[in-house]
Each structure stands twice: as C-alpha cells, then as structure tokens.
Amino acid sequence: MKRLIVISLLGIFTLLAAACSGGGPQGARPDSSGNLTILQEDSEGGNMKFSPNSIVLTVGQRVRLVLENKGQKNHEFMIGRAVVYNPAGEPDGFKEDFFGPMADQVKAQTGMGAMLVMDGKVMQGMDMSGGNTAGMDHPGWMVMNNTGSGQTVIEFTVPESAVGEWEMGCFQDKGSHYDDGMRGKVIVVKP
C-alpha cells in the first residue's frame, strides 16, 4: 500500500513539474551577455526564413541582436505590428514600428554592405549615392543586409511599452520574401 502511494505521489509531482517547466512563451532568448544572433536565410526553392523564427525579450534587458545574412539574396529586418499592404496588395512593412518610440536610443553597427534605413532615408551604412534605394521606403526602422554583408548589431534596452507580441519581417522584392516565410515572432515579457 505504501509503495502504491509513493508511486502515485511521484507521478503527481512529475506531472506538476512538467506543467511548470512548459510555462511562458517559447522562443530563443539572448545569452547572459545580451547577445542573440538572428540569421537571414534563403534557398533555391524560394524558402525564406529567420533563424530562430521566434525570440523572447525581457523588459529592462540590454539586448544585442546580431543579424547575419546567410542567404543568396538581399534581406531586410524590421520589427512591428499590423502588416501594411501597398496598393498592389503586396506586404510592405508594419503600421506600428517596434523601434520607433526608442529610435534615438538604439545603437546600430552595420556590417559591410548593410545599411540602416528609417522611413526610406539611409541613416547609416553603405554609400547609396547614385544607387537604387527603390523598395526601401517602408515606413519605420529597417536594416538592409545585402548578401555577404557580415554582421549588423542592433543594441537597445527593451522598454516596458514594448510588452506583447510583435513580428519580425523582410519585405524585400515587393513583399515576396515575407510571403515566402521570412517572418517570425518577437515576444516581449516582463521580468
């Protein structure tokens, strides 16, 4: 009888432990120094993705997102809410920009062949004089990582106003990258 009670109690504790460990949002988190690498990838079959495609950030945390384009195509990186569609029906950025309210507090170090663009204006990065900036006029804050551009680092402290779910996306090539899967979740939680 004692043995049955002990086995039953162990079973209950195991179930409780499993339930507790599965709590909270799922996704990659920055390491102890605040670094989190996000790869931009594509394949010949047209598959596009961010890896990881789901990240969790905590309010008050100093974060260094390290972006690296590992694909064969140029890619954008934006975080926001509510996808905006252009008159042709193509996804074209976000209505609400994650970085907008804190844009002056975000530090960015662009890789060679990358640039930081804000509301269609190149703020930092490669020289576009005489170059084609068409398609980079999405509203909000964006990083453009060309193929082989190395690492771009975005450093910021997560504000309390950002709590909730956001989306990261690439709207390159008239939104086809977004449609082909280059999007993911950004979840901001309180400590």
C-alpha atoms as a PDB file:
ATOM      1  CA  MET A   1       0.000   0.000   0.000  1.00  0.00           C
ATOM      2  CA  LYS A   2       2.836   2.417   0.900  1.00  0.00           C
ATOM      3  CA  ARG A   3       4.523   1.640  -2.376  1.00  0.00           C
ATOM      4  CA  LEU A   4       1.352   2.499  -4.355  1.00  0.00           C
ATOM      5  CA  ILE A   5       1.038   5.828  -2.503  1.00  0.00           C
ATOM      6  CA  VAL A   6       4.694   6.688  -3.154  1.00  0.00           C
ATOM      7  CA  ILE A   7       4.366   5.809  -6.865  1.00  0.00           C
ATOM      8  CA  SER A   8       1.157   7.870  -7.117  1.00  0.00           C
ATOM      9  CA  LEU A   9       2.789  10.865  -5.425  1.00  0.00           C
ATOM     10  CA  LEU A  10       5.826  10.632  -7.714  1.00  0.00           C
ATOM     11  CA  GLY A  11       3.507  10.587 -10.707  1.00  0.00           C
ATOM     12  CA  ILE A  12       1.661  13.685  -9.491  1.00  0.00           C
ATOM     13  CA  PHE A  13       4.921  15.560  -8.807  1.00  0.00           C
ATOM     14  CA  THR A  14       6.231  14.610 -12.250  1.00  0.00           C
ATOM     15  CA  LEU A  15       3.089  15.980 -13.918  1.00  0.00           C
ATOM     16  CA  LEU A  16       3.275  19.187 -11.882  1.00  0.00           C
ATOM     17  CA  ALA A  17       6.948  19.691 -12.742  1.00  0.00           C
ATOM     18  CA  ALA A  18       6.242  19.157 -16.442  1.00  0.00           C
ATOM     19  CA  ALA A  19       3.377  21.662 -16.334  1.00  0.00           C
ATOM     20  CA  CYS A  20       5.521  24.288 -14.586  1.00  0.00           C
ATOM     21  CA  SER A  21       8.509  23.938 -16.912  1.00  0.00           C
ATOM     22  CA  GLY A  22       6.375  24.464 -20.030  1.00  0.00           C
ATOM     23  CA  GLY A  23       5.109  27.868 -18.859  1.00  0.00           C
ATOM     24  CA  GLY A  24       5.931  31.141 -20.527  1.00  0.00           C
ATOM     25  CA  PRO A  25       6.434  31.989 -24.156  1.00  0.00           C
ATOM     26  CA  GLN A  26       8.624  29.779 -26.313  1.00  0.00           C
ATOM     27  CA  GLY A  27      11.495  31.175 -28.330  1.00  0.00           C
ATOM     28  CA  ALA A  28      15.209  31.893 -28.354  1.00  0.00           C
ATOM     29  CA  ARG A  29      16.433  34.272 -25.676  1.00  0.00           C
ATOM     30  CA  PRO A  30      19.564  36.411 -25.508  1.00  0.00           C
ATOM     31  CA  ASP A  31      22.513  34.805 -23.730  1.00  0.00           C
ATOM     32  CA  SER A  32      23.805  36.069 -20.376  1.00  0.00           C
ATOM     33  CA  SER A  33      25.638  38.948 -22.093  1.00  0.00           C
ATOM     34  CA  GLY A  34      22.514  40.009 -24.021  1.00  0.00           C
ATOM     35  CA  ASN A  35      23.594  38.656 -27.433  1.00  0.00           C
ATOM     36  CA  LEU A  36      21.134  36.929 -29.751  1.00  0.00           C
ATOM     37  CA  THR A  37      22.111  36.000 -33.314  1.00  0.00           C
ATOM     38  CA  ILE A  38      19.404  36.025 -35.983  1.00  0.00           C
ATOM     39  CA  LEU A  39      20.270  34.508 -39.364  1.00  0.00           C
ATOM     40  CA  GLN A  40      18.559  35.561 -42.577  1.00  0.00           C
ATOM     41  CA  GLU A  41      18.395  32.519 -44.843  1.00  0.00           C
ATOM     42  CA  ASP A  42      17.013  31.564 -48.240  1.00  0.00           C
ATOM     43  CA  SER A  43      17.171  28.551 -50.517  1.00  0.00           C
ATOM     44  CA  GLU A  44      16.899  27.960 -54.247  1.00  0.00           C
ATOM     45  CA  GLY A  45      13.388  26.591 -53.712  1.00  0.00           C
ATOM     46  CA  GLY A  46      12.213  30.024 -52.607  1.00  0.00           C
ATOM     47  CA  ASN A  47      12.047  29.262 -48.899  1.00  0.00           C
ATOM     48  CA  MET A  48      12.905  32.280 -46.779  1.00  0.00           C
ATOM     49  CA  LYS A  49      13.348  32.351 -43.010  1.00  0.00           C
ATOM     50  CA  PHE A  50      14.775  33.937 -39.929  1.00  0.00           C
ATOM     51  CA  SER A  51      16.596  31.515 -37.673  1.00  0.00           C
ATOM     52  CA  PRO A  52      15.447  31.479 -34.943  1.00  0.00           C
ATOM     53  CA  ASN A  53      11.972  32.490 -36.064  1.00  0.00           C
ATOM     54  CA  SER A  54      10.710  33.181 -32.546  1.00  0.00           C
ATOM     55  CA  ILE A  55      12.521  35.251 -29.918  1.00  0.00           C
ATOM     56  CA  VAL A  56      11.670  36.315 -26.374  1.00  0.00           C
ATOM     57  CA  LEU A  57      12.961  39.573 -24.894  1.00  0.00           C
ATOM     58  CA  THR A  58      12.529  40.833 -21.329  1.00  0.00           C
ATOM     59  CA  VAL A  59      11.701  44.401 -20.257  1.00  0.00           C
ATOM     60  CA  GLY A  60      14.785  46.195 -18.907  1.00  0.00           C
ATOM     61  CA  GLN A  61      17.187  43.786 -20.624  1.00  0.00           C
ATOM     62  CA  ARG A  62      20.069  45.231 -22.650  1.00  0.00           C
ATOM     63  CA  VAL A  63      19.944  43.310 -25.935  1.00  0.00           C
ATOM     64  CA  ARG A  64      22.398  42.996 -28.822  1.00  0.00           C
ATOM     65  CA  LEU A  65      20.653  41.499 -31.859  1.00  0.00           C
ATOM     66  CA  VAL A  66      23.327  40.236 -34.233  1.00  0.00           C
ATOM     67  CA  LEU A  67      21.919  39.964 -37.774  1.00  0.00           C
ATOM     68  CA  GLU A  68      23.695  37.959 -40.410  1.00  0.00           C
ATOM     69  CA  ASN A  69      22.542  37.360 -43.983  1.00  0.00           C
ATOM     70  CA  LYS A  70      23.483  33.752 -44.806  1.00  0.00           C
ATOM     71  CA  GLY A  71      21.359  33.691 -47.968  1.00  0.00           C
ATOM     72  CA  GLN A  72      21.954  34.329 -51.637  1.00  0.00           C
ATOM     73  CA  LYS A  73      19.600  37.337 -51.732  1.00  0.00           C
ATOM     74  CA  ASN A  74      19.494  40.732 -50.040  1.00  0.00           C
ATOM     75  CA  HIS A  75      17.261  40.805 -46.960  1.00  0.00           C
ATOM     76  CA  GLU A  76      15.594  43.352 -44.713  1.00  0.00           C
ATOM     77  CA  PHE A  77      14.928  43.175 -40.990  1.00  0.00           C
ATOM     78  CA  MET A  78      12.013  45.013 -39.408  1.00  0.00           C
ATOM     79  CA  ILE A  79      10.032  44.502 -36.209  1.00  0.00           C
ATOM     80  CA  GLY A  80       6.496  45.797 -35.897  1.00  0.00           C
ATOM     81  CA  ARG A  81       2.790  45.118 -35.677  1.00  0.00           C
ATOM     82  CA  ALA A  82      -0.006  45.103 -38.252  1.00  0.00           C
ATOM     83  CA  VAL A  83       1.381  44.461 -41.736  1.00  0.00           C
ATOM     84  CA  VAL A  84       0.749  47.276 -44.222  1.00  0.00           C
ATOM     85  CA  TYR A  85      -0.175  46.395 -47.809  1.00  0.00           C
ATOM     86  CA  ASN A  86       0.594  48.663 -50.770  1.00  0.00           C
ATOM     87  CA  PRO A  87      -1.998  49.456 -53.485  1.00  0.00           C
ATOM     88  CA  ALA A  88      -0.868  46.345 -55.429  1.00  0.00           C
ATOM     89  CA  GLY A  89      -1.772  44.181 -52.409  1.00  0.00           C
ATOM     90  CA  GLU A  90       1.842  43.370 -51.525  1.00  0.00           C
ATOM     91  CA  PRO A  91       3.027  43.313 -47.880  1.00  0.00           C
ATOM     92  CA  ASP A  92       5.070  46.483 -47.384  1.00  0.00           C
ATOM     93  CA  GLY A  93       6.155  46.948 -43.764  1.00  0.00           C
ATOM     94  CA  PHE A  94       4.375  47.438 -40.463  1.00  0.00           C
ATOM     95  CA  LYS A  95       1.875  50.027 -39.293  1.00  0.00           C
ATOM     96  CA  GLU A  96       3.459  50.124 -35.810  1.00  0.00           C
ATOM     97  CA  ASP A  97       7.260  50.215 -35.620  1.00  0.00           C
ATOM     98  CA  PHE A  98       8.900  48.460 -32.641  1.00  0.00           C
ATOM     99  CA  PHE A  99      11.937  50.752 -32.693  1.00  0.00           C
ATOM    100  CA  GLY A 100      10.047  53.997 -33.437  1.00  0.00           C
ATOM    101  CA  PRO A 101       9.461  55.176 -29.851  1.00  0.00           C
ATOM    102  CA  MET A 102      13.089  54.454 -28.903  1.00  0.00           C
ATOM    103  CA  ALA A 103      14.840  55.132 -32.226  1.00  0.00           C
ATOM    104  CA  ASP A 104      17.171  57.733 -30.706  1.00  0.00           C
ATOM    105  CA  GLN A 105      18.279  55.218 -28.043  1.00  0.00           C
ATOM    106  CA  VAL A 106      19.067  52.341 -30.406  1.00  0.00           C
ATOM    107  CA  LYS A 107      22.695  51.817 -31.377  1.00  0.00           C
ATOM    108  CA  ALA A 108      23.391  50.110 -34.670  1.00  0.00           C
ATOM    109  CA  GLN A 109      26.651  48.972 -36.180  1.00  0.00           C
ATOM    110  CA  THR A 110      26.079  47.968 -39.781  1.00  0.00           C
ATOM    111  CA  GLY A 111      28.160  45.321 -41.488  1.00  0.00           C
ATOM    112  CA  MET A 112      29.970  45.972 -44.753  1.00  0.00           C
ATOM    113  CA  GLY A 113      27.270  46.143 -47.430  1.00  0.00           C
ATOM    114  CA  ALA A 114      24.474  46.761 -44.925  1.00  0.00           C
ATOM    115  CA  MET A 115      22.552  49.894 -44.043  1.00  0.00           C
ATOM    116  CA  LEU A 116      20.141  51.302 -41.502  1.00  0.00           C
ATOM    117  CA  VAL A 117      17.112  52.942 -43.116  1.00  0.00           C
ATOM    118  CA  MET A 118      14.475  55.000 -41.323  1.00  0.00           C
ATOM    119  CA  ASP A 119      11.291  55.939 -43.172  1.00  0.00           C
ATOM    120  CA  GLY A 120      13.066  55.447 -46.506  1.00  0.00           C
ATOM    121  CA  LYS A 121      16.132  57.551 -45.589  1.00  0.00           C
ATOM    122  CA  VAL A 122      19.558  55.914 -45.256  1.00  0.00           C
ATOM    123  CA  MET A 123      20.804  56.755 -41.760  1.00  0.00           C
ATOM    124  CA  GLN A 124      23.945  54.631 -41.593  1.00  0.00           C
ATOM    125  CA  GLY A 125      25.857  52.162 -43.704  1.00  0.00           C
ATOM    126  CA  MET A 126      26.880  51.725 -47.291  1.00  0.00           C
ATOM    127  CA  ASP A 127      27.042  54.689 -49.631  1.00  0.00           C
ATOM    128  CA  MET A 128      23.961  54.751 -51.832  1.00  0.00           C
ATOM    129  CA  SER A 129      24.847  57.876 -53.819  1.00  0.00           C
ATOM    130  CA  GLY A 130      23.696  57.143 -57.318  1.00  0.00           C
ATOM    131  CA  GLY A 131      22.468  53.745 -56.129  1.00  0.00           C
ATOM    132  CA  ASN A 132      18.990  52.306 -56.213  1.00  0.00           C
ATOM    133  CA  THR A 133      17.069  52.737 -52.968  1.00  0.00           C
ATOM    134  CA  ALA A 134      13.732  51.741 -54.527  1.00  0.00           C
ATOM    135  CA  GLY A 135      11.786  49.357 -52.374  1.00  0.00           C
ATOM    136  CA  MET A 136      13.455  50.543 -49.179  1.00  0.00           C
ATOM    137  CA  ASP A 137      10.847  53.193 -48.452  1.00  0.00           C
ATOM    138  CA  HIS A 138       8.863  51.159 -45.937  1.00  0.00           C
ATOM    139  CA  PRO A 139       7.597  53.176 -43.010  1.00  0.00           C
ATOM    140  CA  GLY A 140       9.687  52.773 -39.859  1.00  0.00           C
ATOM    141  CA  TRP A 141      13.087  51.475 -38.860  1.00  0.00           C
ATOM    142  CA  MET A 142      14.768  48.847 -41.036  1.00  0.00           C
ATOM    143  CA  VAL A 143      18.117  47.148 -41.552  1.00  0.00           C
ATOM    144  CA  MET A 144      19.044  46.131 -45.102  1.00  0.00           C
ATOM    145  CA  ASN A 145      21.605  43.319 -45.167  1.00  0.00           C
ATOM    146  CA  ASN A 146      22.980  42.601 -48.603  1.00  0.00           C
ATOM    147  CA  THR A 147      24.418  39.168 -49.365  1.00  0.00           C
ATOM    148  CA  GLY A 148      27.794  38.756 -47.668  1.00  0.00           C
ATOM    149  CA  SER A 149      27.397  41.937 -45.611  1.00  0.00           C
ATOM    150  CA  GLY A 150      28.756  40.376 -42.436  1.00  0.00           C
ATOM    151  CA  GLN A 151      27.180  41.091 -39.079  1.00  0.00           C
ATOM    152  CA  THR A 152      24.964  44.018 -38.208  1.00  0.00           C
ATOM    153  CA  VAL A 153      24.472  44.652 -34.490  1.00  0.00           C
ATOM    154  CA  ILE A 154      21.394  46.371 -33.073  1.00  0.00           C
ATOM    155  CA  GLU A 155      21.750  47.282 -29.401  1.00  0.00           C
ATOM    156  CA  PHE A 156      18.942  48.582 -27.183  1.00  0.00           C
ATOM    157  CA  THR A 157      17.277  48.254 -23.793  1.00  0.00           C
ATOM    158  CA  VAL A 158      13.824  46.677 -24.015  1.00  0.00           C
ATOM    159  CA  PRO A 159      11.237  49.254 -22.858  1.00  0.00           C
ATOM    160  CA  GLU A 160       8.156  48.381 -20.819  1.00  0.00           C
ATOM    161  CA  SER A 161       5.997  49.960 -23.534  1.00  0.00           C
ATOM    162  CA  ALA A 162       7.005  47.083 -25.851  1.00  0.00           C
ATOM    163  CA  VAL A 163       5.340  44.308 -23.786  1.00  0.00           C
ATOM    164  CA  GLY A 164       3.339  41.962 -26.011  1.00  0.00           C
ATOM    165  CA  GLU A 165       3.675  40.195 -29.351  1.00  0.00           C
ATOM    166  CA  TRP A 166       5.453  41.710 -32.327  1.00  0.00           C
ATOM    167  CA  GLU A 167       6.511  40.350 -35.687  1.00  0.00           C
ATOM    168  CA  MET A 168       9.834  40.466 -37.486  1.00  0.00           C
ATOM    169  CA  GLY A 169       9.708  40.522 -41.257  1.00  0.00           C
ATOM    170  CA  CYS A 170      11.535  41.023 -44.541  1.00  0.00           C
ATOM    171  CA  PHE A 171       9.526  42.821 -47.233  1.00  0.00           C
ATOM    172  CA  GLN A 172      12.169  42.659 -49.977  1.00  0.00           C
ATOM    173  CA  ASP A 173      11.198  42.033 -53.627  1.00  0.00           C
ATOM    174  CA  LYS A 174       7.691  43.516 -53.378  1.00  0.00           C
ATOM    175  CA  GLY A 175       6.917  41.573 -50.222  1.00  0.00           C
ATOM    176  CA  SER A 176       7.679  38.168 -51.720  1.00  0.00           C
ATOM    177  CA  HIS A 177      10.247  37.338 -49.010  1.00  0.00           C
ATOM    178  CA  TYR A 178       7.598  37.905 -46.336  1.00  0.00           C
ATOM    179  CA  ASP A 179       5.082  35.794 -48.279  1.00  0.00           C
ATOM    180  CA  ASP A 180       7.731  33.053 -48.710  1.00  0.00           C
ATOM    181  CA  GLY A 181       8.216  32.715 -44.936  1.00  0.00           C
ATOM    182  CA  MET A 182      10.741  35.353 -43.875  1.00  0.00           C
ATOM    183  CA  ARG A 183       8.845  36.397 -40.776  1.00  0.00           C
ATOM    184  CA  GLY A 184       8.766  35.446 -37.136  1.00  0.00           C
ATOM    185  CA  LYS A 185       7.609  36.313 -33.636  1.00  0.00           C
ATOM    186  CA  VAL A 186       9.137  38.721 -31.168  1.00  0.00           C
ATOM    187  CA  ILE A 187       7.586  38.375 -27.723  1.00  0.00           C
ATOM    188  CA  VAL A 188       8.357  40.937 -25.020  1.00  0.00           C
ATOM    189  CA  VAL A 189       7.674  39.890 -21.427  1.00  0.00           C
ATOM    190  CA  LYS A 190       8.006  41.478 -18.021  1.00  0.00           C
ATOM    191  CA  PRO A 191      10.732  40.084 -15.727  1.00  0.00           C
END
